[in-house]
């Protein structure tokens, strides 16, 4: 177990289980992938137990992507059965998203941890602003752009999602909504895109982190198996709780609360870079 005491590993496990529970609730509440919650929680937990700054963010991103393989499969299967996956868009976006994932994984696996932290902090701040701004009541008709801009958007989704350790819904749902996709169809399609992002992303982060001496116990490259085992089960249990809770809370209140969470996370990550 290296330089880690049993008590430290037990504490880490407790925090990871809690992270899974929170991620599941947030995912069910807002229809976003748990990665947007799991990554910052893992980052701060790893920071708290003294994991080396050089691998801290890589480990948070890689572990988050591994959890999305499981939670994303359950989510995408459910949306598929309900007919809320746009297979046409999935086919046209899929290869471009995969290309972005490959580039993003190579970049993410080789850049300094501070770069990944900066990417997450910037995008989290932008998403927070997007969620805070009240959408216009006047709906404008916007068609999905033609090639190659359509594919460029998909590459951007894949690249930044895999560098942030998220399933893609945080970026793809706002883009699809901007082009007047019904929200349920957007969320369902995003859940399927999450699988395209998470599987190669997990393998890539495991590969690039292989043999890294600063990793904590039970790590396969930049994927921590302890985190995977602790987070996935409870996140699956609590996601339906979040979905039920969403029907009892004002949507605008939910949006503002999550925007505040992202804003605080972004600020905290910027501070950690100083």
C-alpha atoms as a PDB file:
ATOM      1  CA  UNK A   1       0.000   0.000   0.000  1.00  0.00           C
ATOM      2  CA  UNK A   2       2.986   2.244  -0.436  1.00  0.00           C
ATOM      3  CA  UNK A   3       3.157   5.230   1.884  1.00  0.00           C
ATOM      4  CA  UNK A   4      -0.583   5.156   2.638  1.00  0.00           C
ATOM      5  CA  UNK A   5      -1.867   3.988   6.019  1.00  0.00           C
ATOM      6  CA  UNK A   6      -4.904   1.710   6.282  1.00  0.00           C
ATOM      7  CA  UNK A   7      -6.813   4.534   8.002  1.00  0.00           C
ATOM      8  CA  UNK A   8      -6.104   6.838   5.050  1.00  0.00           C
ATOM      9  CA  UNK A   9      -7.382   4.251   2.571  1.00  0.00           C
ATOM     10  CA  UNK A  10     -10.543   3.703   4.642  1.00  0.00           C
ATOM     11  CA  UNK A  11     -11.115   7.471   4.739  1.00  0.00           C
ATOM     12  CA  UNK A  12     -10.555   7.673   0.985  1.00  0.00           C
ATOM     13  CA  UNK A  13     -13.100   4.894   0.444  1.00  0.00           C
ATOM     14  CA  UNK A  14     -15.681   6.703   2.591  1.00  0.00           C
ATOM     15  CA  UNK A  15     -15.275   9.932   0.619  1.00  0.00           C
ATOM     16  CA  UNK A  16     -15.497   8.043  -2.682  1.00  0.00           C
ATOM     17  CA  UNK A  17     -18.734   6.333  -1.668  1.00  0.00           C
ATOM     18  CA  UNK A  18     -20.165   9.731  -0.695  1.00  0.00           C
ATOM     19  CA  UNK A  19     -19.038  11.144  -4.042  1.00  0.00           C
ATOM     20  CA  UNK A  20     -20.903   8.395  -5.848  1.00  0.00           C
ATOM     21  CA  UNK A  21     -24.088   9.141  -3.931  1.00  0.00           C
ATOM     22  CA  UNK A  22     -23.898  12.870  -4.647  1.00  0.00           C
ATOM     23  CA  UNK A  23     -23.061  12.278  -8.305  1.00  0.00           C
ATOM     24  CA  UNK A  24     -26.066  10.003  -8.759  1.00  0.00           C
ATOM     25  CA  UNK A  25     -28.457  12.509  -7.205  1.00  0.00           C
ATOM     26  CA  UNK A  26     -27.108  15.402  -9.291  1.00  0.00           C
ATOM     27  CA  UNK A  27     -27.262  13.266 -12.431  1.00  0.00           C
ATOM     28  CA  UNK A  28     -30.897  12.390 -11.794  1.00  0.00           C
ATOM     29  CA  UNK A  29     -31.811  15.946 -10.834  1.00  0.00           C
ATOM     30  CA  UNK A  30     -30.317  17.720 -13.828  1.00  0.00           C
ATOM     31  CA  UNK A  31     -29.851  15.054 -16.492  1.00  0.00           C
ATOM     32  CA  UNK A  32     -26.099  15.640 -16.660  1.00  0.00           C
ATOM     33  CA  UNK A  33     -23.382  13.019 -16.474  1.00  0.00           C
ATOM     34  CA  UNK A  34     -22.028  12.346 -13.023  1.00  0.00           C
ATOM     35  CA  UNK A  35     -18.519  13.214 -14.212  1.00  0.00           C
ATOM     36  CA  UNK A  36     -19.120  16.925 -13.805  1.00  0.00           C
ATOM     37  CA  UNK A  37     -19.581  16.178 -10.077  1.00  0.00           C
ATOM     38  CA  UNK A  38     -17.223  13.217  -9.655  1.00  0.00           C
ATOM     39  CA  UNK A  39     -14.130  14.935 -11.090  1.00  0.00           C
ATOM     40  CA  UNK A  40     -14.041  17.927  -8.708  1.00  0.00           C
ATOM     41  CA  UNK A  41     -14.989  15.758  -5.725  1.00  0.00           C
ATOM     42  CA  UNK A  42     -12.204  13.299  -6.555  1.00  0.00           C
ATOM     43  CA  UNK A  43      -9.792  16.166  -7.154  1.00  0.00           C
ATOM     44  CA  UNK A  44     -10.414  17.667  -3.719  1.00  0.00           C
ATOM     45  CA  UNK A  45     -10.448  14.274  -1.961  1.00  0.00           C
ATOM     46  CA  UNK A  46      -7.118  13.360  -3.580  1.00  0.00           C
ATOM     47  CA  UNK A  47      -5.772  16.759  -2.602  1.00  0.00           C
ATOM     48  CA  UNK A  48      -6.921  16.256   0.975  1.00  0.00           C
ATOM     49  CA  UNK A  49      -5.108  12.937   1.411  1.00  0.00           C
ATOM     50  CA  UNK A  50      -1.928  14.293  -0.132  1.00  0.00           C
ATOM     51  CA  UNK A  51      -1.825  12.609  -3.539  1.00  0.00           C
ATOM     52  CA  UNK A  52       0.923  14.149  -5.672  1.00  0.00           C
ATOM     53  CA  UNK A  53      -0.219  17.208  -7.637  1.00  0.00           C
ATOM     54  CA  UNK A  54       1.458  15.789 -10.746  1.00  0.00           C
ATOM     55  CA  UNK A  55      -1.084  12.935 -10.984  1.00  0.00           C
ATOM     56  CA  UNK A  56      -4.046  14.275  -8.989  1.00  0.00           C
ATOM     57  CA  UNK A  57      -6.141  15.642 -11.854  1.00  0.00           C
ATOM     58  CA  UNK A  58      -5.183  12.843 -14.253  1.00  0.00           C
ATOM     59  CA  UNK A  59      -6.370  10.337 -11.662  1.00  0.00           C
ATOM     60  CA  UNK A  60      -9.651  12.178 -11.100  1.00  0.00           C
ATOM     61  CA  UNK A  61     -10.348  12.356 -14.844  1.00  0.00           C
ATOM     62  CA  UNK A  62      -9.399   8.750 -15.600  1.00  0.00           C
ATOM     63  CA  UNK A  63     -11.397   7.337 -12.686  1.00  0.00           C
ATOM     64  CA  UNK A  64     -14.425   9.444 -13.607  1.00  0.00           C
ATOM     65  CA  UNK A  65     -14.348   8.158 -17.196  1.00  0.00           C
ATOM     66  CA  UNK A  66     -14.241   4.573 -15.904  1.00  0.00           C
ATOM     67  CA  UNK A  67     -17.390   5.125 -13.833  1.00  0.00           C
ATOM     68  CA  UNK A  68     -19.192   6.559 -16.868  1.00  0.00           C
ATOM     69  CA  UNK A  69     -18.740   3.264 -18.745  1.00  0.00           C
ATOM     70  CA  UNK A  70     -21.121   1.646 -16.278  1.00  0.00           C
ATOM     71  CA  UNK A  71     -23.510   4.474 -15.444  1.00  0.00           C
ATOM     72  CA  UNK A  72     -23.591   5.596 -19.082  1.00  0.00           C
ATOM     73  CA  UNK A  73     -24.520   2.115 -20.262  1.00  0.00           C
ATOM     74  CA  UNK A  74     -27.471   1.932 -17.865  1.00  0.00           C
ATOM     75  CA  UNK A  75     -28.612   5.429 -18.847  1.00  0.00           C
ATOM     76  CA  UNK A  76     -28.227   4.984 -22.608  1.00  0.00           C
ATOM     77  CA  UNK A  77     -30.016   1.628 -22.548  1.00  0.00           C
ATOM     78  CA  UNK A  78     -32.939   3.196 -20.699  1.00  0.00           C
ATOM     79  CA  UNK A  79     -33.155   6.118 -23.148  1.00  0.00           C
ATOM     80  CA  UNK A  80     -32.815   3.758 -26.134  1.00  0.00           C
ATOM     81  CA  UNK A  81     -35.767   1.671 -24.967  1.00  0.00           C
ATOM     82  CA  UNK A  82     -37.841   4.826 -24.654  1.00  0.00           C
ATOM     83  CA  UNK A  83     -36.929   5.922 -28.185  1.00  0.00           C
ATOM     84  CA  UNK A  84     -35.155   9.068 -26.990  1.00  0.00           C
ATOM     85  CA  UNK A  85     -31.878   8.529 -28.872  1.00  0.00           C
ATOM     86  CA  UNK A  86     -31.422  10.237 -32.244  1.00  0.00           C
ATOM     87  CA  UNK A  87     -29.708   7.405 -34.120  1.00  0.00           C
ATOM     88  CA  UNK A  88     -29.181   9.560 -37.211  1.00  0.00           C
ATOM     89  CA  UNK A  89     -27.248  12.209 -35.266  1.00  0.00           C
ATOM     90  CA  UNK A  90     -25.434   9.493 -33.327  1.00  0.00           C
ATOM     91  CA  UNK A  91     -24.193   7.908 -36.558  1.00  0.00           C
ATOM     92  CA  UNK A  92     -23.025  11.219 -38.028  1.00  0.00           C
ATOM     93  CA  UNK A  93     -21.496  12.538 -34.796  1.00  0.00           C
ATOM     94  CA  UNK A  94     -20.075   9.254 -33.491  1.00  0.00           C
ATOM     95  CA  UNK A  95     -16.889   9.027 -35.629  1.00  0.00           C
ATOM     96  CA  UNK A  96     -16.108  12.725 -35.122  1.00  0.00           C
ATOM     97  CA  UNK A  97     -16.636  12.455 -31.358  1.00  0.00           C
ATOM     98  CA  UNK A  98     -14.341   9.399 -31.333  1.00  0.00           C
ATOM     99  CA  UNK A  99     -11.688  11.354 -33.251  1.00  0.00           C
ATOM    100  CA  UNK A 100     -11.897  14.149 -30.687  1.00  0.00           C
ATOM    101  CA  UNK A 101     -11.609  11.584 -27.883  1.00  0.00           C
ATOM    102  CA  UNK A 102      -8.419  10.129 -29.375  1.00  0.00           C
ATOM    103  CA  UNK A 103      -6.796  13.548 -29.675  1.00  0.00           C
ATOM    104  CA  UNK A 104      -8.033  14.606 -26.227  1.00  0.00           C
ATOM    105  CA  UNK A 105      -6.807  11.395 -24.587  1.00  0.00           C
ATOM    106  CA  UNK A 106      -3.322  11.767 -26.057  1.00  0.00           C
ATOM    107  CA  UNK A 107      -3.222  15.392 -24.916  1.00  0.00           C
ATOM    108  CA  UNK A 108      -4.744  14.665 -21.510  1.00  0.00           C
ATOM    109  CA  UNK A 109      -2.450  11.740 -20.837  1.00  0.00           C
ATOM    110  CA  UNK A 110       0.688  13.716 -21.575  1.00  0.00           C
ATOM    111  CA  UNK A 111       0.103  17.309 -20.449  1.00  0.00           C
ATOM    112  CA  UNK A 112       0.776  18.503 -16.902  1.00  0.00           C
ATOM    113  CA  UNK A 113      -2.009  18.092 -14.375  1.00  0.00           C
ATOM    114  CA  UNK A 114      -2.356  21.866 -14.118  1.00  0.00           C
ATOM    115  CA  UNK A 115      -3.436  21.988 -17.774  1.00  0.00           C
ATOM    116  CA  UNK A 116      -6.278  19.529 -17.141  1.00  0.00           C
ATOM    117  CA  UNK A 117      -7.273  21.508 -14.059  1.00  0.00           C
ATOM    118  CA  UNK A 118      -7.348  24.720 -16.084  1.00  0.00           C
ATOM    119  CA  UNK A 119      -9.465  23.113 -18.832  1.00  0.00           C
ATOM    120  CA  UNK A 120     -11.989  21.881 -16.262  1.00  0.00           C
ATOM    121  CA  UNK A 121     -12.077  25.200 -14.419  1.00  0.00           C
ATOM    122  CA  UNK A 122     -12.655  27.233 -17.592  1.00  0.00           C
ATOM    123  CA  UNK A 123     -15.359  24.975 -19.036  1.00  0.00           C
ATOM    124  CA  UNK A 124     -17.091  24.637 -15.645  1.00  0.00           C
ATOM    125  CA  UNK A 125     -17.217  28.443 -15.408  1.00  0.00           C
ATOM    126  CA  UNK A 126     -18.712  28.694 -18.912  1.00  0.00           C
ATOM    127  CA  UNK A 127     -21.337  26.049 -18.127  1.00  0.00           C
ATOM    128  CA  UNK A 128     -22.183  27.859 -14.877  1.00  0.00           C
ATOM    129  CA  UNK A 129     -22.736  31.103 -16.787  1.00  0.00           C
ATOM    130  CA  UNK A 130     -24.847  29.261 -19.368  1.00  0.00           C
ATOM    131  CA  UNK A 131     -27.028  27.722 -16.646  1.00  0.00           C
ATOM    132  CA  UNK A 132     -27.399  31.031 -14.807  1.00  0.00           C
ATOM    133  CA  UNK A 133     -28.554  33.065 -17.779  1.00  0.00           C
ATOM    134  CA  UNK A 134     -32.302  32.864 -18.188  1.00  0.00           C
ATOM    135  CA  UNK A 135     -33.107  31.358 -21.578  1.00  0.00           C
ATOM    136  CA  UNK A 136     -34.966  33.553 -24.008  1.00  0.00           C
ATOM    137  CA  UNK A 137     -38.699  32.956 -24.093  1.00  0.00           C
ATOM    138  CA  UNK A 138     -38.645  33.485 -27.808  1.00  0.00           C
ATOM    139  CA  UNK A 139     -37.590  30.260 -29.488  1.00  0.00           C
ATOM    140  CA  UNK A 140     -35.605  30.793 -32.645  1.00  0.00           C
ATOM    141  CA  UNK A 141     -35.571  28.177 -35.374  1.00  0.00           C
ATOM    142  CA  UNK A 142     -32.010  26.955 -35.754  1.00  0.00           C
ATOM    143  CA  UNK A 143     -31.085  23.988 -37.890  1.00  0.00           C
ATOM    144  CA  UNK A 144     -28.126  21.757 -37.093  1.00  0.00           C
ATOM    145  CA  UNK A 145     -25.252  23.028 -39.285  1.00  0.00           C
ATOM    146  CA  UNK A 146     -24.103  21.031 -42.282  1.00  0.00           C
ATOM    147  CA  UNK A 147     -20.702  19.399 -42.734  1.00  0.00           C
ATOM    148  CA  UNK A 148     -17.968  20.144 -41.863  1.00  0.00           C
ATOM    149  CA  UNK A 149     -19.119  22.435 -39.009  1.00  0.00           C
ATOM    150  CA  UNK A 150     -21.387  19.687 -37.718  1.00  0.00           C
ATOM    151  CA  UNK A 151     -18.415  17.352 -37.349  1.00  0.00           C
ATOM    152  CA  UNK A 152     -16.239  20.123 -35.865  1.00  0.00           C
ATOM    153  CA  UNK A 153     -18.764  20.503 -33.038  1.00  0.00           C
ATOM    154  CA  UNK A 154     -18.604  16.751 -32.410  1.00  0.00           C
ATOM    155  CA  UNK A 155     -14.785  16.758 -32.320  1.00  0.00           C
ATOM    156  CA  UNK A 156     -14.868  19.601 -29.781  1.00  0.00           C
ATOM    157  CA  UNK A 157     -17.350  17.658 -27.619  1.00  0.00           C
ATOM    158  CA  UNK A 158     -15.164  14.544 -27.656  1.00  0.00           C
ATOM    159  CA  UNK A 159     -11.889  16.382 -27.094  1.00  0.00           C
ATOM    160  CA  UNK A 160     -12.927  18.543 -24.151  1.00  0.00           C
ATOM    161  CA  UNK A 161     -15.151  15.880 -22.552  1.00  0.00           C
ATOM    162  CA  UNK A 162     -12.338  13.330 -22.344  1.00  0.00           C
ATOM    163  CA  UNK A 163      -9.925  15.970 -21.007  1.00  0.00           C
ATOM    164  CA  UNK A 164     -12.485  16.877 -18.334  1.00  0.00           C
ATOM    165  CA  UNK A 165     -13.503  13.319 -17.457  1.00  0.00           C
ATOM    166  CA  UNK A 166     -17.178  13.855 -18.325  1.00  0.00           C
ATOM    167  CA  UNK A 167     -19.562  11.866 -20.476  1.00  0.00           C
ATOM    168  CA  UNK A 168     -20.367  14.581 -22.953  1.00  0.00           C
ATOM    169  CA  UNK A 169     -23.850  15.599 -21.836  1.00  0.00           C
ATOM    170  CA  UNK A 170     -22.547  18.770 -20.197  1.00  0.00           C
ATOM    171  CA  UNK A 171     -21.375  19.986 -23.609  1.00  0.00           C
ATOM    172  CA  UNK A 172     -23.584  18.174 -26.115  1.00  0.00           C
ATOM    173  CA  UNK A 173     -26.964  18.818 -24.472  1.00  0.00           C
ATOM    174  CA  UNK A 174     -26.587  22.642 -24.568  1.00  0.00           C
ATOM    175  CA  UNK A 175     -25.398  22.408 -28.187  1.00  0.00           C
ATOM    176  CA  UNK A 176     -28.319  20.211 -29.235  1.00  0.00           C
ATOM    177  CA  UNK A 177     -30.762  22.376 -27.282  1.00  0.00           C
ATOM    178  CA  UNK A 178     -29.392  25.448 -29.074  1.00  0.00           C
ATOM    179  CA  UNK A 179     -30.402  23.789 -32.334  1.00  0.00           C
ATOM    180  CA  UNK A 180     -33.913  23.122 -31.011  1.00  0.00           C
ATOM    181  CA  UNK A 181     -33.542  19.460 -30.127  1.00  0.00           C
ATOM    182  CA  UNK A 182     -36.194  18.371 -27.577  1.00  0.00           C
ATOM    183  CA  UNK A 183     -34.494  18.092 -24.203  1.00  0.00           C
ATOM    184  CA  UNK A 184     -35.330  14.407 -23.703  1.00  0.00           C
ATOM    185  CA  UNK A 185     -33.934  13.542 -27.125  1.00  0.00           C
ATOM    186  CA  UNK A 186     -30.836  15.611 -26.426  1.00  0.00           C
ATOM    187  CA  UNK A 187     -30.220  13.926 -23.049  1.00  0.00           C
ATOM    188  CA  UNK A 188     -30.819  10.445 -24.474  1.00  0.00           C
ATOM    189  CA  UNK A 189     -28.463  10.994 -27.411  1.00  0.00           C
ATOM    190  CA  UNK A 190     -25.853  12.494 -25.092  1.00  0.00           C
ATOM    191  CA  UNK A 191     -25.971   9.403 -22.881  1.00  0.00           C
ATOM    192  CA  UNK A 192     -25.117   7.248 -25.905  1.00  0.00           C
ATOM    193  CA  UNK A 193     -22.291   9.605 -26.878  1.00  0.00           C
ATOM    194  CA  UNK A 194     -20.970   9.162 -23.341  1.00  0.00           C
ATOM    195  CA  UNK A 195     -20.107   5.538 -24.106  1.00  0.00           C
ATOM    196  CA  UNK A 196     -18.090   6.616 -27.165  1.00  0.00           C
ATOM    197  CA  UNK A 197     -16.163   8.996 -24.912  1.00  0.00           C
ATOM    198  CA  UNK A 198     -15.740   6.874 -21.786  1.00  0.00           C
ATOM    199  CA  UNK A 199     -14.484   3.539 -23.142  1.00  0.00           C
ATOM    200  CA  UNK A 200     -11.494   4.723 -25.220  1.00  0.00           C
ATOM    201  CA  UNK A 201     -10.846   7.529 -22.741  1.00  0.00           C
ATOM    202  CA  UNK A 202     -10.550   5.096 -19.833  1.00  0.00           C
ATOM    203  CA  UNK A 203      -8.231   2.797 -21.770  1.00  0.00           C
ATOM    204  CA  UNK A 204      -6.093   5.766 -22.811  1.00  0.00           C
ATOM    205  CA  UNK A 205      -5.704   7.179 -19.297  1.00  0.00           C
ATOM    206  CA  UNK A 206      -4.884   3.706 -17.962  1.00  0.00           C
ATOM    207  CA  UNK A 207      -2.206   3.356 -20.660  1.00  0.00           C
ATOM    208  CA  UNK A 208      -0.589   6.766 -20.255  1.00  0.00           C
ATOM    209  CA  UNK A 209      -0.487   6.449 -16.469  1.00  0.00           C
ATOM    210  CA  UNK A 210       0.944   2.935 -16.444  1.00  0.00           C
ATOM    211  CA  UNK A 211       3.952   2.660 -14.151  1.00  0.00           C
ATOM    212  CA  UNK A 212       3.553   6.172 -12.704  1.00  0.00           C
ATOM    213  CA  UNK A 213       5.201   5.920  -9.243  1.00  0.00           C
ATOM    214  CA  UNK A 214       3.145   8.648  -7.537  1.00  0.00           C
ATOM    215  CA  UNK A 215      -0.201   6.865  -7.909  1.00  0.00           C
ATOM    216  CA  UNK A 216      -2.160   5.694  -4.831  1.00  0.00           C
ATOM    217  CA  UNK A 217      -2.941   2.013  -4.120  1.00  0.00           C
ATOM    218  CA  UNK A 218      -5.287   0.066  -6.414  1.00  0.00           C
ATOM    219  CA  UNK A 219      -4.569   2.216  -9.473  1.00  0.00           C
ATOM    220  CA  UNK A 220      -4.292   0.934 -13.033  1.00  0.00           C
ATOM    221  CA  UNK A 221      -2.556   3.836 -14.691  1.00  0.00           C
ATOM    222  CA  UNK A 222      -4.667   6.923 -14.088  1.00  0.00           C
ATOM    223  CA  UNK A 223      -7.726   4.828 -13.162  1.00  0.00           C
ATOM    224  CA  UNK A 224      -8.228   4.126  -9.471  1.00  0.00           C
ATOM    225  CA  UNK A 225     -10.091   0.830  -9.022  1.00  0.00           C
ATOM    226  CA  UNK A 226     -11.017   1.676  -5.437  1.00  0.00           C
ATOM    227  CA  UNK A 227     -12.762   4.800  -6.706  1.00  0.00           C
ATOM    228  CA  UNK A 228     -14.521   2.852  -9.445  1.00  0.00           C
ATOM    229  CA  UNK A 229     -15.843   0.202  -7.059  1.00  0.00           C
ATOM    230  CA  UNK A 230     -16.896   2.781  -4.466  1.00  0.00           C
ATOM    231  CA  UNK A 231     -18.611   5.250  -6.793  1.00  0.00           C
ATOM    232  CA  UNK A 232     -20.521   3.183  -9.353  1.00  0.00           C
ATOM    233  CA  UNK A 233     -22.955   1.167  -7.162  1.00  0.00           C
ATOM    234  CA  UNK A 234     -24.219   4.060  -5.044  1.00  0.00           C
ATOM    235  CA  UNK A 235     -24.481   6.442  -8.006  1.00  0.00           C
ATOM    236  CA  UNK A 236     -26.770   3.916  -9.710  1.00  0.00           C
ATOM    237  CA  UNK A 237     -28.892   3.663  -6.565  1.00  0.00           C
ATOM    238  CA  UNK A 238     -29.221   7.406  -5.957  1.00  0.00           C
ATOM    239  CA  UNK A 239     -29.841   8.540  -9.558  1.00  0.00           C
ATOM    240  CA  UNK A 240     -33.560   7.597  -9.366  1.00  0.00           C
ATOM    241  CA  UNK A 241     -33.790   9.531  -6.107  1.00  0.00           C
ATOM    242  CA  UNK A 242     -32.547  12.616  -7.902  1.00  0.00           C
ATOM    243  CA  UNK A 243     -35.043  12.094 -10.717  1.00  0.00           C
ATOM    244  CA  UNK A 244     -37.909  11.931  -8.212  1.00  0.00           C
ATOM    245  CA  UNK A 245     -36.627  14.969  -6.357  1.00  0.00           C
ATOM    246  CA  UNK A 246     -36.522  16.901  -9.634  1.00  0.00           C
ATOM    247  CA  UNK A 247     -40.320  16.794  -9.746  1.00  0.00           C
ATOM    248  CA  UNK A 248     -40.633  18.493  -6.372  1.00  0.00           C
ATOM    249  CA  UNK A 249     -38.149  21.349  -6.841  1.00  0.00           C
ATOM    250  CA  UNK A 250     -38.393  24.360  -9.114  1.00  0.00           C
ATOM    251  CA  UNK A 251     -36.333  23.793 -12.304  1.00  0.00           C
ATOM    252  CA  UNK A 252     -34.921  27.312 -12.058  1.00  0.00           C
ATOM    253  CA  UNK A 253     -33.847  26.697  -8.445  1.00  0.00           C
ATOM    254  CA  UNK A 254     -32.117  23.498  -9.512  1.00  0.00           C
ATOM    255  CA  UNK A 255     -30.355  25.289 -12.341  1.00  0.00           C
ATOM    256  CA  UNK A 256     -29.108  28.087 -10.083  1.00  0.00           C
ATOM    257  CA  UNK A 257     -27.932  25.689  -7.351  1.00  0.00           C
ATOM    258  CA  UNK A 258     -25.931  23.618  -9.797  1.00  0.00           C
ATOM    259  CA  UNK A 259     -24.538  26.738 -11.455  1.00  0.00           C
ATOM    260  CA  UNK A 260     -23.376  27.899  -8.009  1.00  0.00           C
ATOM    261  CA  UNK A 261     -21.723  24.513  -7.408  1.00  0.00           C
ATOM    262  CA  UNK A 262     -19.872  24.743 -10.718  1.00  0.00           C
ATOM    263  CA  UNK A 263     -18.862  28.364 -10.085  1.00  0.00           C
ATOM    264  CA  UNK A 264     -17.446  27.525  -6.647  1.00  0.00           C
ATOM    265  CA  UNK A 265     -15.656  24.487  -8.093  1.00  0.00           C
ATOM    266  CA  UNK A 266     -14.193  26.575 -10.894  1.00  0.00           C
ATOM    267  CA  UNK A 267     -12.951  29.269  -8.508  1.00  0.00           C
ATOM    268  CA  UNK A 268     -11.471  26.657  -6.166  1.00  0.00           C
ATOM    269  CA  UNK A 269      -9.607  25.014  -9.050  1.00  0.00           C
ATOM    270  CA  UNK A 270      -8.293  28.360 -10.289  1.00  0.00           C
ATOM    271  CA  UNK A 271      -7.010  29.053  -6.758  1.00  0.00           C
ATOM    272  CA  UNK A 272      -5.274  25.662  -6.682  1.00  0.00           C
ATOM    273  CA  UNK A 273      -3.325  26.721  -9.787  1.00  0.00           C
ATOM    274  CA  UNK A 274      -1.885  29.812  -8.108  1.00  0.00           C
END
